[in-house]
Structure formats: structure tokens, C-alpha cells
Amino acid sequence: MSASYATLIGAADLAQHIRDPDWIVCDCRFDLGNPDFGYQAYLAGHLAGAYFLDLDEDLSGAKNGANGRHPLPDPARLAARLATCGIGNHSQVVAYDDACGMFASRLWWLMRWLGHRRVAVLDGGLQAWIGCGQAIDYEQPEPRPNTYTLALRSDRVEADYVFEHLGRPDMLLIDARSPDRFRGENEVLDPIGGHIPGAINRPYRDNLDEHGCFKQASVLREEFGALLQGRSPRTVVHQCGSGVTACANILAMEAAGLTGSRLYAGSWSEWCTDPRRPVARGPA
């Protein structure tokens, strides 16, 4: 078995393995304002052999009006979809996008939730791949049916857990949205603006350097350590608007060696649907 990557992988390292039969690359490009963008961009050019996975169709489940904009997919259905891309339990999976890992980290987290460890995000995304002189491909790969056995992990919490732990020291809630949306301003995606009381704001873009790559592990460890203030990383629950960019904060913590934090997948878009749940506005 070749080298294993479990958080981030650089473009140069991926280039050495792009043709390896046990490596599967997944294109996760998406645009929240234009759901057709990702697939159209994929058709216009992608990494060699990459399969396209859509945030709405593949990496999310059915919405019922009260479970958020991107509820988690059914695990068995997701595993079956991944298997059509040739992904098995021992595959090395690499996810990429063109949004600094915003969407690729969702696939990364989902696969870890299924019990898969050999999954990484292409650091710097498509831009880093092109920037180091690597080629773009235009052919769609043939299906490579495989089998995948689930081993679900307890990496998530539900809204009730968050509600019951509000104000308690054994939960540190970190919101990955932009500061204005956290404060309840300029809310264009959800019907109500604000944040969950007690949450602190760590926008996912704060994980990135000036090149759109994740900061060095030592820097991320220092920055998240300042938020933890001595707490265990296992007390951390991540959320955002709909359980997507929060995955980038989880990825950053894992890359920094701060392991064990969890995801509130429903996030703000689920939380704000129930008037019994409290809402805070303004800075943390």
C-alpha cells in the first residue's frame, strides 16, 4: 500500500500518485448561489481521473424544512455512491474544489464519519494544482464499481445535544461563518440572522494563508489553542450555516493534531427553524 494521507495533501505529492489504481480523486466544486456550477466546471476541465460529487445530490440528504439546508446523507446511500467511483475501504481518496477546501472538506468529513481514514483534501485546491504546472483533463472516467463496508463513527451531535449543553463548560461551540452573518447581519441564506448563544466565531477562512492553502500545523494549533483555553478538543462542537464550512474547521484542527472535535451538521439553518431555540445577535 502506498503512502497514506488523512488530512491534507499538497499538489506535488498528489501528482506522484494521480495514476495509482488505489487512489481516487473526487471533484467537489460547488457554488451555493448557482447549484449547476460545479458539474459545468467539472465538464470544462478537471484533474485526471476525477469523479464528480455534488454537494446537493451526493453529499447531502433530503430536506424536510426543519433539518437544515444540507442535512447529512443516508450513510448506506452515500457508501453506495462512493463505491460507483471505485472507492473501497482501502482506497486513498483525495477531495478537491476551487474554494479553498470549503466543499472538499465536507466529503473529507463524511468519509471519516463512514469510518474511512485514508481521505485528504488537496491543499490549495484546483488553483494549487494548476499553479504547480499540472495538467487538466477533459475525459470523464468510466465507473469503477467497488464495495464499501460502513463503520459509522460518533463524530456528530444533534440539535438537542447542543441545546442541552448551552452554557456548560463541556461544550465549546465554534461557528465557521463570516463575522457579519455570525452577528446576524447580511443574512441571505437563512430566514433568520444570528447565532447560537455561547458560540464563538472562527470563520473557516481564518485557517488559510495568503495563497489559499491551510496555515502550517503549528500556527493552527496555536490559534485554536487560544480558543480552547485549556479545554480538550473533544469538547468542541463545530457548526456553520448548514454543516459545510464547519468541516473545514474540523479539518484544520485535525491537521493541527487537535483531534476529536465533532460536527453539528444541521447548524444554523436547522437551529433557526424552531422558535423554541434561543438566538443571539451581535459579537460573541
Protein backbone atom coordinates (compact mmCIF):
# COMPACT_ATOMS: atom_id res chain seq x y z
CA MET A 1 0.00 0.00 0.00
CA SER A 2 1.34 3.46 -0.91
CA ALA A 3 1.70 6.43 1.41
CA SER A 4 -1.41 7.36 3.35
CA TYR A 5 -2.85 10.87 3.77
CA ALA A 6 -5.54 11.63 6.33
CA THR A 7 -5.90 15.43 6.41
CA LEU A 8 -4.20 17.48 3.68
CA ILE A 9 -2.11 16.64 0.63
CA GLY A 10 -0.04 19.00 -1.49
CA ALA A 11 -0.37 19.21 -5.24
CA ALA A 12 3.15 17.87 -5.85
CA ASP A 13 2.51 14.81 -3.69
CA LEU A 14 -0.81 14.11 -5.40
CA ALA A 15 0.84 14.40 -8.82
CA GLN A 16 3.09 11.45 -7.91
CA HIS A 17 0.05 9.23 -7.30
CA ILE A 18 -2.61 10.58 -9.66
CA ARG A 19 -2.50 7.37 -11.75
CA ASP A 20 -2.20 4.92 -8.87
CA PRO A 21 -5.07 2.42 -9.10
CA ASP A 22 -5.92 2.59 -5.40
CA TRP A 23 -6.09 6.41 -5.40
CA ILE A 24 -9.46 8.01 -6.18
CA VAL A 25 -9.79 11.75 -6.79
CA CYS A 26 -13.14 13.49 -6.31
CA ASP A 27 -14.10 16.90 -7.68
CA CYS A 28 -16.34 18.66 -5.14
CA ARG A 29 -16.72 22.07 -6.75
CA PHE A 30 -19.97 23.87 -5.94
CA ASP A 31 -21.49 27.32 -5.72
CA LEU A 32 -24.21 27.98 -3.14
CA GLY A 33 -25.69 30.64 -5.42
CA ASN A 34 -25.53 28.53 -8.57
CA PRO A 35 -26.02 24.81 -7.91
CA ASP A 36 -25.25 23.87 -11.53
CA PHE A 37 -21.81 25.48 -11.40
CA GLY A 38 -19.87 22.52 -10.05
CA TYR A 39 -20.78 20.00 -12.70
CA GLN A 40 -20.40 22.50 -15.51
CA ALA A 41 -16.95 23.41 -14.20
CA TYR A 42 -16.08 19.72 -13.98
CA LEU A 43 -17.05 19.19 -17.62
CA ALA A 44 -14.88 22.16 -18.59
CA GLY A 45 -11.79 20.53 -17.07
CA HIS A 46 -10.75 18.56 -14.01
CA LEU A 47 -7.93 16.53 -12.51
CA ALA A 48 -7.15 13.36 -14.43
CA GLY A 49 -9.48 10.52 -13.49
CA ALA A 50 -11.52 12.64 -11.09
CA TYR A 51 -15.12 11.75 -10.36
CA PHE A 52 -17.64 14.50 -9.69
CA LEU A 53 -19.64 14.52 -6.44
CA ASP A 54 -22.35 17.12 -6.00
CA LEU A 55 -22.97 18.78 -2.64
CA ASP A 56 -26.74 18.77 -3.03
CA GLU A 57 -27.22 15.42 -4.77
CA ASP A 58 -24.44 13.25 -3.33
CA LEU A 59 -23.11 14.82 -0.14
CA SER A 60 -26.45 15.83 1.41
CA GLY A 61 -29.71 14.12 2.27
CA ALA A 62 -33.35 15.01 1.78
CA LYS A 63 -34.56 18.27 3.30
CA ASN A 64 -37.80 18.36 5.29
CA GLY A 65 -37.92 22.06 6.15
CA ALA A 66 -36.59 21.56 9.65
CA ASN A 67 -33.27 19.76 9.19
CA GLY A 68 -31.19 22.49 7.55
CA ARG A 69 -30.03 23.28 4.04
CA HIS A 70 -27.57 20.40 3.76
CA PRO A 71 -28.65 17.55 6.04
CA LEU A 72 -26.38 14.55 6.18
CA PRO A 73 -26.96 11.90 3.52
CA ASP A 74 -28.10 8.40 4.36
CA PRO A 75 -24.85 6.56 5.13
CA ALA A 76 -25.69 3.47 3.08
CA ARG A 77 -26.72 5.58 0.11
CA LEU A 78 -23.52 7.61 0.35
CA ALA A 79 -21.39 4.47 0.59
CA ALA A 80 -23.09 3.06 -2.48
CA ARG A 81 -22.45 6.27 -4.40
CA LEU A 82 -18.80 6.29 -3.40
CA ALA A 83 -18.48 2.66 -4.48
CA THR A 84 -19.56 3.62 -8.02
CA CYS A 85 -16.48 5.87 -8.10
CA GLY A 86 -14.27 2.90 -7.32
CA ILE A 87 -13.88 3.75 -3.65
CA GLY A 88 -13.37 0.78 -1.36
CA ASN A 89 -12.37 0.53 2.27
CA HIS A 90 -8.66 0.68 1.45
CA SER A 91 -8.75 3.41 -1.19
CA GLN A 92 -6.81 6.62 -0.77
CA VAL A 93 -9.35 9.34 -1.52
CA VAL A 94 -8.44 12.93 -2.36
CA ALA A 95 -11.13 15.62 -2.49
CA TYR A 96 -10.65 18.98 -4.13
CA ASP A 97 -12.55 22.12 -5.07
CA ASP A 98 -11.73 25.68 -6.14
CA ALA A 99 -12.91 27.30 -2.91
CA CYS A 100 -10.00 26.73 -0.52
CA GLY A 101 -11.41 23.41 0.69
CA MET A 102 -14.83 24.79 1.58
CA PHE A 103 -16.69 21.96 -0.17
CA ALA A 104 -13.96 19.31 -0.37
CA SER A 105 -13.78 19.24 3.43
CA ARG A 106 -17.43 18.13 3.51
CA LEU A 107 -16.53 14.93 1.63
CA TRP A 108 -13.47 14.54 3.86
CA TRP A 109 -15.65 14.71 6.98
CA LEU A 110 -18.35 12.46 5.56
CA MET A 111 -15.85 9.74 4.72
CA ARG A 112 -14.37 9.91 8.19
CA TRP A 113 -17.90 9.61 9.56
CA LEU A 114 -18.29 6.43 7.50
CA GLY A 115 -15.13 5.11 9.14
CA HIS A 116 -12.64 5.90 6.37
CA ARG A 117 -9.24 7.29 7.35
CA ARG A 118 -7.36 7.40 4.04
CA VAL A 119 -9.01 10.59 2.84
CA ALA A 120 -7.41 14.00 2.36
CA VAL A 121 -8.17 17.42 0.90
CA LEU A 122 -5.97 18.86 -1.84
CA ASP A 123 -4.36 21.83 -0.13
CA GLY A 124 -4.94 24.94 -2.21
CA GLY A 125 -7.40 23.10 -4.47
CA LEU A 126 -7.53 23.36 -8.23
CA GLN A 127 -5.56 26.59 -8.17
CA ALA A 128 -2.61 24.91 -6.45
CA TRP A 129 -2.75 22.02 -8.94
CA ILE A 130 -2.58 24.36 -11.93
CA GLY A 131 -0.08 26.60 -10.17
CA CYS A 132 2.48 23.82 -9.92
CA GLY A 133 2.20 23.09 -13.62
CA GLN A 134 -0.07 20.06 -13.52
CA ALA A 135 -2.41 19.22 -16.40
CA ILE A 136 -6.18 19.42 -16.60
CA ASP A 137 -8.15 16.55 -18.12
CA TYR A 138 -11.45 16.61 -20.02
CA GLU A 139 -12.43 12.96 -20.19
CA GLN A 140 -14.91 11.53 -17.74
CA PRO A 141 -13.66 8.33 -16.11
CA GLU A 142 -15.60 5.11 -16.52
CA PRO A 143 -17.48 3.80 -13.48
CA ARG A 144 -15.32 1.50 -11.37
CA PRO A 145 -17.79 -0.43 -9.20
CA ASN A 146 -16.41 -1.40 -5.82
CA THR A 147 -17.82 -2.37 -2.45
CA TYR A 148 -17.71 -0.34 0.74
CA THR A 149 -18.44 -1.56 4.26
CA LEU A 150 -19.66 1.02 6.75
CA ALA A 151 -18.17 1.53 10.20
CA LEU A 152 -20.01 4.66 11.38
CA ARG A 153 -18.27 6.84 13.93
CA SER A 154 -19.84 9.07 16.58
CA ASP A 155 -18.42 12.28 15.11
CA ARG A 156 -21.65 14.28 15.14
CA VAL A 157 -24.15 15.75 17.56
CA GLU A 158 -27.81 16.68 17.14
CA ALA A 159 -29.64 19.91 17.92
CA ASP A 160 -30.92 18.51 21.22
CA TYR A 161 -27.36 17.89 22.39
CA VAL A 162 -26.39 21.46 21.59
CA PHE A 163 -29.50 22.81 23.34
CA GLU A 164 -28.89 20.73 26.46
CA HIS A 165 -25.24 21.82 26.67
CA LEU A 166 -25.74 25.56 26.17
CA GLY A 167 -23.67 27.41 28.75
CA ARG A 168 -21.96 24.28 30.01
CA PRO A 169 -18.15 24.01 30.19
CA ASP A 170 -18.16 20.61 28.49
CA MET A 171 -19.17 22.11 25.11
CA LEU A 172 -17.30 24.77 23.17
CA LEU A 173 -19.37 25.74 20.14
CA ILE A 174 -17.38 27.17 17.21
CA ASP A 175 -19.21 28.87 14.32
CA ALA A 176 -17.36 28.91 10.97
CA ARG A 177 -19.49 31.57 9.25
CA SER A 178 -18.34 35.05 8.31
CA PRO A 179 -18.36 37.61 11.15
CA ASP A 180 -21.28 39.59 9.72
CA ARG A 181 -23.54 36.55 9.43
CA PHE A 182 -22.47 35.46 12.92
CA ARG A 183 -23.59 38.84 14.25
CA GLY A 184 -26.93 38.48 12.43
CA GLU A 185 -26.14 40.94 9.66
CA ASN A 186 -26.38 40.45 5.87
CA GLU A 187 -28.10 37.09 6.22
CA VAL A 188 -29.01 35.99 2.71
CA LEU A 189 -29.09 32.20 3.03
CA ASP A 190 -31.28 31.58 6.07
CA PRO A 191 -34.59 33.15 7.13
CA ILE A 192 -33.30 34.39 10.49
CA GLY A 193 -29.98 36.05 11.29
CA GLY A 194 -27.91 35.50 14.39
CA HIS A 195 -26.02 32.73 16.13
CA ILE A 196 -26.45 30.06 18.78
CA PRO A 197 -25.94 31.59 22.25
CA GLY A 198 -22.48 30.94 23.64
CA ALA A 199 -20.90 30.20 20.27
CA ILE A 200 -17.60 31.77 19.34
CA ASN A 201 -16.76 32.83 15.79
CA ARG A 202 -13.88 31.24 13.89
CA PRO A 203 -14.50 31.90 10.16
CA TYR A 204 -13.18 29.00 8.12
CA ARG A 205 -11.13 31.41 6.00
CA ASP A 206 -9.03 32.18 9.08
CA ASN A 207 -7.44 28.75 8.52
CA LEU A 208 -5.88 29.91 5.23
CA ASP A 209 -2.70 31.70 4.29
CA GLU A 210 -2.31 34.33 1.61
CA HIS A 211 -2.08 31.63 -1.07
CA GLY A 212 -5.36 29.96 -0.17
CA CYS A 213 -3.63 26.99 1.48
CA PHE A 214 -4.08 25.89 5.06
CA LYS A 215 -1.71 27.51 7.50
CA GLN A 216 1.12 25.48 8.99
CA ALA A 217 0.03 22.99 11.64
CA SER A 218 1.93 24.86 14.35
CA VAL A 219 0.08 28.09 13.53
CA LEU A 220 -3.32 26.38 13.50
CA ARG A 221 -2.50 24.67 16.79
CA GLU A 222 -1.65 28.00 18.39
CA GLU A 223 -4.75 29.74 17.05
CA PHE A 224 -7.20 27.01 18.03
CA GLY A 225 -5.38 26.59 21.32
CA ALA A 226 -6.21 30.22 22.10
CA LEU A 227 -9.88 29.39 21.57
CA LEU A 228 -9.72 26.20 23.61
CA GLN A 229 -8.12 27.91 26.64
CA GLY A 230 -7.06 24.60 28.09
CA ARG A 231 -10.17 22.62 27.18
CA SER A 232 -9.95 19.27 25.47
CA PRO A 233 -10.53 19.36 21.68
CA ARG A 234 -13.19 16.73 22.33
CA THR A 235 -15.40 19.37 23.95
CA VAL A 236 -15.57 21.28 20.65
CA VAL A 237 -18.69 21.18 18.51
CA HIS A 238 -18.38 22.82 15.10
CA GLN A 239 -21.22 24.46 13.19
CA CYS A 240 -21.75 26.97 10.41
CA GLY A 241 -24.75 27.73 8.23
CA SER A 242 -25.51 24.22 7.01
CA GLY A 243 -22.73 21.86 8.10
CA VAL A 244 -20.35 22.53 5.20
CA THR A 245 -17.71 25.12 6.12
CA ALA A 246 -17.68 23.80 9.70
CA CYS A 247 -15.96 20.72 8.23
CA ALA A 248 -13.06 22.97 7.20
CA ASN A 249 -12.57 23.98 10.84
CA ILE A 250 -12.60 20.31 11.86
CA LEU A 251 -10.02 19.59 9.15
CA ALA A 252 -7.84 22.44 10.41
CA MET A 253 -7.97 21.14 13.97
CA GLU A 254 -7.16 17.59 12.89
CA ALA A 255 -4.27 18.83 10.74
CA ALA A 256 -3.00 20.67 13.82
CA GLY A 257 -3.12 17.49 15.91
CA LEU A 258 -6.15 18.67 17.89
CA THR A 259 -8.30 15.59 17.46
CA GLY A 260 -11.77 14.53 18.44
CA SER A 261 -13.99 17.57 17.81
CA ARG A 262 -17.48 16.93 16.44
CA LEU A 263 -19.95 18.39 13.95
CA TYR A 264 -23.43 19.76 14.49
CA ALA A 265 -24.45 19.07 10.91
CA GLY A 266 -27.80 20.86 10.98
CA SER A 267 -26.04 24.03 12.09
CA TRP A 268 -27.69 27.45 11.99
CA SER A 269 -30.07 26.62 9.13
CA GLU A 270 -31.61 23.87 11.27
CA TRP A 271 -31.32 25.66 14.61
CA CYS A 272 -33.25 28.73 13.47
CA THR A 273 -36.28 26.73 12.26
CA ASP A 274 -37.51 26.07 15.81
CA PRO A 275 -38.70 29.19 17.68
CA ARG A 276 -38.11 27.42 20.99
CA ARG A 277 -34.36 27.56 20.39
CA PRO A 278 -32.69 30.77 21.60
CA VAL A 279 -31.00 33.19 19.21
CA ALA A 280 -28.18 35.63 19.94
CA ARG A 281 -27.09 38.60 17.85
CA GLY A 282 -24.08 40.84 17.83
CA PRO A 283 -20.48 39.80 18.59
CA ALA A 284 -19.75 36.81 20.80
